[in-house]
Amino acid sequence: MNINVSELRGILTQIQKQMASRLKSDTVCCGVSTAQYHTLTEIHGQGTCAIKTLAGLMGLDPSSLSRTIDGLVGTGLVSRIENPKDRRCSAISLTGEGVKVVEQINARIDARLETLLKSLPVNEQITVIKTVRQLALIFGQMDGRCCT
């Protein structure tokens, strides 16, 4: 089989655009931006955590993430537990409403992915999941440096 890297890039770009568009519509329906959704899902996965820790996991600057967190605190989706000695070390967690929003958006995404998978025969569903899992693992191991 002849490997066509530019075709793969085009397909992955198309999937990325389609997923981003659908995620935007799913998050808007629940009153959050996609950046806020990504932050909420990271907090959901981590539980109570420090902003600095969360910023490291997300590859973001803590001050930038802090502004996103401030907005989520303002909307009642995240609670901040202040460290009386150092505000930079405050802990954050999802409120009940924050958990509800994450679960609503995840349910919408899951339903769409289920529809997508069900359009394929079972053996191809398994192949797609295995292949995407393997690609995610490989991407995670690759050096993310730019212009090298």
C-alpha atoms as a PDB file:
ATOM      1  CA  MET A   1       0.000   0.000   0.000  1.00  0.00           C
ATOM      2  CA  ASN A   2       1.300   3.425  -0.954  1.00  0.00           C
ATOM      3  CA  ILE A   3       1.365   5.784   2.048  1.00  0.00           C
ATOM      4  CA  ASN A   4      -0.044   9.220   1.255  1.00  0.00           C
ATOM      5  CA  VAL A   5       0.843  11.463   4.192  1.00  0.00           C
ATOM      6  CA  SER A   6      -0.756  14.572   2.715  1.00  0.00           C
ATOM      7  CA  GLU A   7      -4.034  12.670   2.297  1.00  0.00           C
ATOM      8  CA  LEU A   8      -3.871  11.613   5.972  1.00  0.00           C
ATOM      9  CA  ARG A   9      -3.174  15.219   6.985  1.00  0.00           C
ATOM     10  CA  GLY A  10      -6.169  16.369   4.956  1.00  0.00           C
ATOM     11  CA  ILE A  11      -8.453  13.755   6.497  1.00  0.00           C
ATOM     12  CA  LEU A  12      -7.302  14.556  10.043  1.00  0.00           C
ATOM     13  CA  THR A  13      -7.746  18.289   9.373  1.00  0.00           C
ATOM     14  CA  GLN A  14     -11.271  17.671   8.087  1.00  0.00           C
ATOM     15  CA  ILE A  15     -12.136  15.576  11.165  1.00  0.00           C
ATOM     16  CA  GLN A  16     -10.634  18.205  13.466  1.00  0.00           C
ATOM     17  CA  LYS A  17     -12.689  20.995  11.857  1.00  0.00           C
ATOM     18  CA  GLN A  18     -15.903  18.958  11.995  1.00  0.00           C
ATOM     19  CA  MET A  19     -15.349  17.936  15.618  1.00  0.00           C
ATOM     20  CA  ALA A  20     -14.496  21.521  16.613  1.00  0.00           C
ATOM     21  CA  SER A  21     -17.629  22.842  14.917  1.00  0.00           C
ATOM     22  CA  ARG A  22     -19.869  20.289  16.604  1.00  0.00           C
ATOM     23  CA  LEU A  23     -18.179  20.806  19.972  1.00  0.00           C
ATOM     24  CA  LYS A  24     -18.766  24.548  19.663  1.00  0.00           C
ATOM     25  CA  SER A  25     -22.480  24.005  19.057  1.00  0.00           C
ATOM     26  CA  ASP A  26     -22.673  21.513  21.960  1.00  0.00           C
ATOM     27  CA  THR A  27     -20.945  23.868  24.388  1.00  0.00           C
ATOM     28  CA  VAL A  28     -22.911  26.963  23.308  1.00  0.00           C
ATOM     29  CA  CYS A  29     -26.145  25.067  24.032  1.00  0.00           C
ATOM     30  CA  CYS A  30     -24.929  24.644  27.608  1.00  0.00           C
ATOM     31  CA  GLY A  31     -23.756  28.248  27.984  1.00  0.00           C
ATOM     32  CA  VAL A  32     -19.979  27.715  27.921  1.00  0.00           C
ATOM     33  CA  SER A  33     -17.206  28.220  25.380  1.00  0.00           C
ATOM     34  CA  THR A  34     -15.093  25.358  24.098  1.00  0.00           C
ATOM     35  CA  ALA A  35     -12.129  26.637  26.160  1.00  0.00           C
ATOM     36  CA  GLN A  36     -14.321  26.626  29.262  1.00  0.00           C
ATOM     37  CA  TYR A  37     -15.538  23.113  28.424  1.00  0.00           C
ATOM     38  CA  HIS A  38     -11.963  21.846  28.114  1.00  0.00           C
ATOM     39  CA  THR A  39     -11.170  23.414  31.480  1.00  0.00           C
ATOM     40  CA  LEU A  40     -14.282  21.920  33.072  1.00  0.00           C
ATOM     41  CA  THR A  41     -13.481  18.444  31.749  1.00  0.00           C
ATOM     42  CA  GLU A  42      -9.926  18.627  33.086  1.00  0.00           C
ATOM     43  CA  ILE A  43     -11.207  19.654  36.519  1.00  0.00           C
ATOM     44  CA  HIS A  44     -13.840  16.912  36.309  1.00  0.00           C
ATOM     45  CA  GLY A  45     -11.107  14.362  35.639  1.00  0.00           C
ATOM     46  CA  GLN A  46      -8.735  15.673  38.296  1.00  0.00           C
ATOM     47  CA  GLY A  47     -11.194  16.495  41.054  1.00  0.00           C
ATOM     48  CA  THR A  48     -10.091  19.232  43.417  1.00  0.00           C
ATOM     49  CA  CYS A  49      -6.746  20.576  42.239  1.00  0.00           C
ATOM     50  CA  ALA A  50      -4.503  23.626  42.169  1.00  0.00           C
ATOM     51  CA  ILE A  51      -4.670  25.991  39.205  1.00  0.00           C
ATOM     52  CA  LYS A  52      -0.921  25.609  38.692  1.00  0.00           C
ATOM     53  CA  THR A  53      -1.300  21.814  38.452  1.00  0.00           C
ATOM     54  CA  LEU A  54      -4.222  22.138  36.054  1.00  0.00           C
ATOM     55  CA  ALA A  55      -2.313  24.647  33.898  1.00  0.00           C
ATOM     56  CA  GLY A  56       0.576  22.185  33.615  1.00  0.00           C
ATOM     57  CA  LEU A  57      -1.749  19.367  32.571  1.00  0.00           C
ATOM     58  CA  MET A  58      -3.405  21.563  29.956  1.00  0.00           C
ATOM     59  CA  GLY A  59      -0.183  23.136  28.685  1.00  0.00           C
ATOM     60  CA  LEU A  60      -1.394  26.630  29.570  1.00  0.00           C
ATOM     61  CA  ASP A  61       0.055  29.602  31.375  1.00  0.00           C
ATOM     62  CA  PRO A  62      -1.367  29.694  34.942  1.00  0.00           C
ATOM     63  CA  SER A  63      -2.363  33.360  34.632  1.00  0.00           C
ATOM     64  CA  SER A  64      -4.322  32.688  31.419  1.00  0.00           C
ATOM     65  CA  LEU A  65      -6.036  29.687  32.966  1.00  0.00           C
ATOM     66  CA  SER A  66      -6.791  31.719  36.076  1.00  0.00           C
ATOM     67  CA  ARG A  67      -8.831  34.165  33.969  1.00  0.00           C
ATOM     68  CA  THR A  68     -10.844  31.269  32.530  1.00  0.00           C
ATOM     69  CA  ILE A  69     -11.348  29.895  36.038  1.00  0.00           C
ATOM     70  CA  ASP A  70     -12.503  33.324  37.254  1.00  0.00           C
ATOM     71  CA  GLY A  71     -15.205  33.306  34.575  1.00  0.00           C
ATOM     72  CA  LEU A  72     -16.300  29.791  35.548  1.00  0.00           C
ATOM     73  CA  VAL A  73     -16.407  30.764  39.224  1.00  0.00           C
ATOM     74  CA  GLY A  74     -18.528  33.769  38.243  1.00  0.00           C
ATOM     75  CA  THR A  75     -21.045  31.533  36.472  1.00  0.00           C
ATOM     76  CA  GLY A  76     -21.206  29.111  39.396  1.00  0.00           C
ATOM     77  CA  LEU A  77     -19.660  26.155  37.563  1.00  0.00           C
ATOM     78  CA  VAL A  78     -16.402  26.082  39.539  1.00  0.00           C
ATOM     79  CA  SER A  79     -15.663  26.795  43.171  1.00  0.00           C
ATOM     80  CA  ARG A  80     -12.382  28.215  44.363  1.00  0.00           C
ATOM     81  CA  ILE A  81     -11.023  27.351  47.781  1.00  0.00           C
ATOM     82  CA  GLU A  82      -8.669  30.171  48.667  1.00  0.00           C
ATOM     83  CA  ASN A  83      -5.422  29.528  50.484  1.00  0.00           C
ATOM     84  CA  PRO A  84      -5.373  32.304  53.076  1.00  0.00           C
ATOM     85  CA  LYS A  85      -1.578  32.495  52.863  1.00  0.00           C
ATOM     86  CA  ASP A  86      -1.201  32.535  49.067  1.00  0.00           C
ATOM     87  CA  ARG A  87      -3.984  33.153  46.478  1.00  0.00           C
ATOM     88  CA  ARG A  88      -1.792  31.566  43.797  1.00  0.00           C
ATOM     89  CA  CYS A  89      -2.157  28.242  45.604  1.00  0.00           C
ATOM     90  CA  SER A  90      -5.961  28.173  45.695  1.00  0.00           C
ATOM     91  CA  ALA A  91      -7.698  24.897  44.902  1.00  0.00           C
ATOM     92  CA  ILE A  92     -10.555  24.562  42.450  1.00  0.00           C
ATOM     93  CA  SER A  93     -13.310  22.028  41.927  1.00  0.00           C
ATOM     94  CA  LEU A  94     -16.540  21.711  39.988  1.00  0.00           C
ATOM     95  CA  THR A  95     -19.796  22.708  41.608  1.00  0.00           C
ATOM     96  CA  GLY A  96     -22.836  20.484  41.191  1.00  0.00           C
ATOM     97  CA  GLU A  97     -23.905  22.689  38.283  1.00  0.00           C
ATOM     98  CA  GLY A  98     -20.430  22.363  36.738  1.00  0.00           C
ATOM     99  CA  VAL A  99     -20.665  18.576  36.888  1.00  0.00           C
ATOM    100  CA  LYS A 100     -24.117  18.768  35.308  1.00  0.00           C
ATOM    101  CA  VAL A 101     -22.856  20.909  32.395  1.00  0.00           C
ATOM    102  CA  VAL A 102     -19.902  18.569  31.725  1.00  0.00           C
ATOM    103  CA  GLU A 103     -22.195  15.538  31.790  1.00  0.00           C
ATOM    104  CA  GLN A 104     -24.724  17.204  29.451  1.00  0.00           C
ATOM    105  CA  ILE A 105     -22.079  18.104  26.891  1.00  0.00           C
ATOM    106  CA  ASN A 106     -20.404  14.697  27.176  1.00  0.00           C
ATOM    107  CA  ALA A 107     -23.767  12.993  26.637  1.00  0.00           C
ATOM    108  CA  ARG A 108     -24.322  15.030  23.440  1.00  0.00           C
ATOM    109  CA  ILE A 109     -20.849  14.138  22.152  1.00  0.00           C
ATOM    110  CA  ASP A 110     -21.263  10.469  23.121  1.00  0.00           C
ATOM    111  CA  ALA A 111     -24.603  10.271  21.291  1.00  0.00           C
ATOM    112  CA  ARG A 112     -23.036  11.710  18.138  1.00  0.00           C
ATOM    113  CA  LEU A 113     -20.080   9.308  18.319  1.00  0.00           C
ATOM    114  CA  GLU A 114     -22.411   6.382  18.921  1.00  0.00           C
ATOM    115  CA  THR A 115     -24.381   7.318  15.800  1.00  0.00           C
ATOM    116  CA  LEU A 116     -21.136   7.583  13.860  1.00  0.00           C
ATOM    117  CA  LEU A 117     -19.900   4.171  15.034  1.00  0.00           C
ATOM    118  CA  LYS A 118     -23.247   2.481  14.442  1.00  0.00           C
ATOM    119  CA  SER A 119     -23.017   3.492  10.791  1.00  0.00           C
ATOM    120  CA  LEU A 120     -20.123   1.012  10.489  1.00  0.00           C
ATOM    121  CA  PRO A 121     -20.122  -2.783  10.747  1.00  0.00           C
ATOM    122  CA  VAL A 122     -19.048  -4.030  14.213  1.00  0.00           C
ATOM    123  CA  ASN A 123     -15.631  -5.241  13.030  1.00  0.00           C
ATOM    124  CA  GLU A 124     -14.914  -1.791  11.544  1.00  0.00           C
ATOM    125  CA  GLN A 125     -16.098  -0.091  14.764  1.00  0.00           C
ATOM    126  CA  ILE A 126     -13.492  -2.096  16.672  1.00  0.00           C
ATOM    127  CA  THR A 127     -10.826  -1.257  14.095  1.00  0.00           C
ATOM    128  CA  VAL A 128     -11.644   2.474  14.261  1.00  0.00           C
ATOM    129  CA  ILE A 129     -11.432   2.523  18.064  1.00  0.00           C
ATOM    130  CA  LYS A 130      -8.139   0.580  18.092  1.00  0.00           C
ATOM    131  CA  THR A 131      -6.619   2.787  15.394  1.00  0.00           C
ATOM    132  CA  VAL A 132      -7.697   6.080  16.976  1.00  0.00           C
ATOM    133  CA  ARG A 133      -6.431   4.878  20.371  1.00  0.00           C
ATOM    134  CA  GLN A 134      -3.077   3.979  18.812  1.00  0.00           C
ATOM    135  CA  LEU A 135      -2.842   7.340  16.993  1.00  0.00           C
ATOM    136  CA  ALA A 136      -3.608   9.190  20.241  1.00  0.00           C
ATOM    137  CA  LEU A 137      -0.862   7.252  22.016  1.00  0.00           C
ATOM    138  CA  ILE A 138       1.659   7.971  19.257  1.00  0.00           C
ATOM    139  CA  PHE A 139       0.723  11.678  19.121  1.00  0.00           C
ATOM    140  CA  GLY A 140       1.149  11.850  22.894  1.00  0.00           C
ATOM    141  CA  GLN A 141       4.682  10.481  22.609  1.00  0.00           C
ATOM    142  CA  MET A 142       5.768  12.792  19.806  1.00  0.00           C
ATOM    143  CA  ASP A 143       7.899  15.835  20.411  1.00  0.00           C
ATOM    144  CA  GLY A 144       5.633  18.892  20.214  1.00  0.00           C
ATOM    145  CA  ARG A 145       8.347  21.391  19.352  1.00  0.00           C
ATOM    146  CA  CYS A 146       7.652  23.804  16.535  1.00  0.00           C
ATOM    147  CA  CYS A 147       9.843  24.515  13.500  1.00  0.00           C
ATOM    148  CA  THR A 148      12.471  21.831  14.087  1.00  0.00           C
END
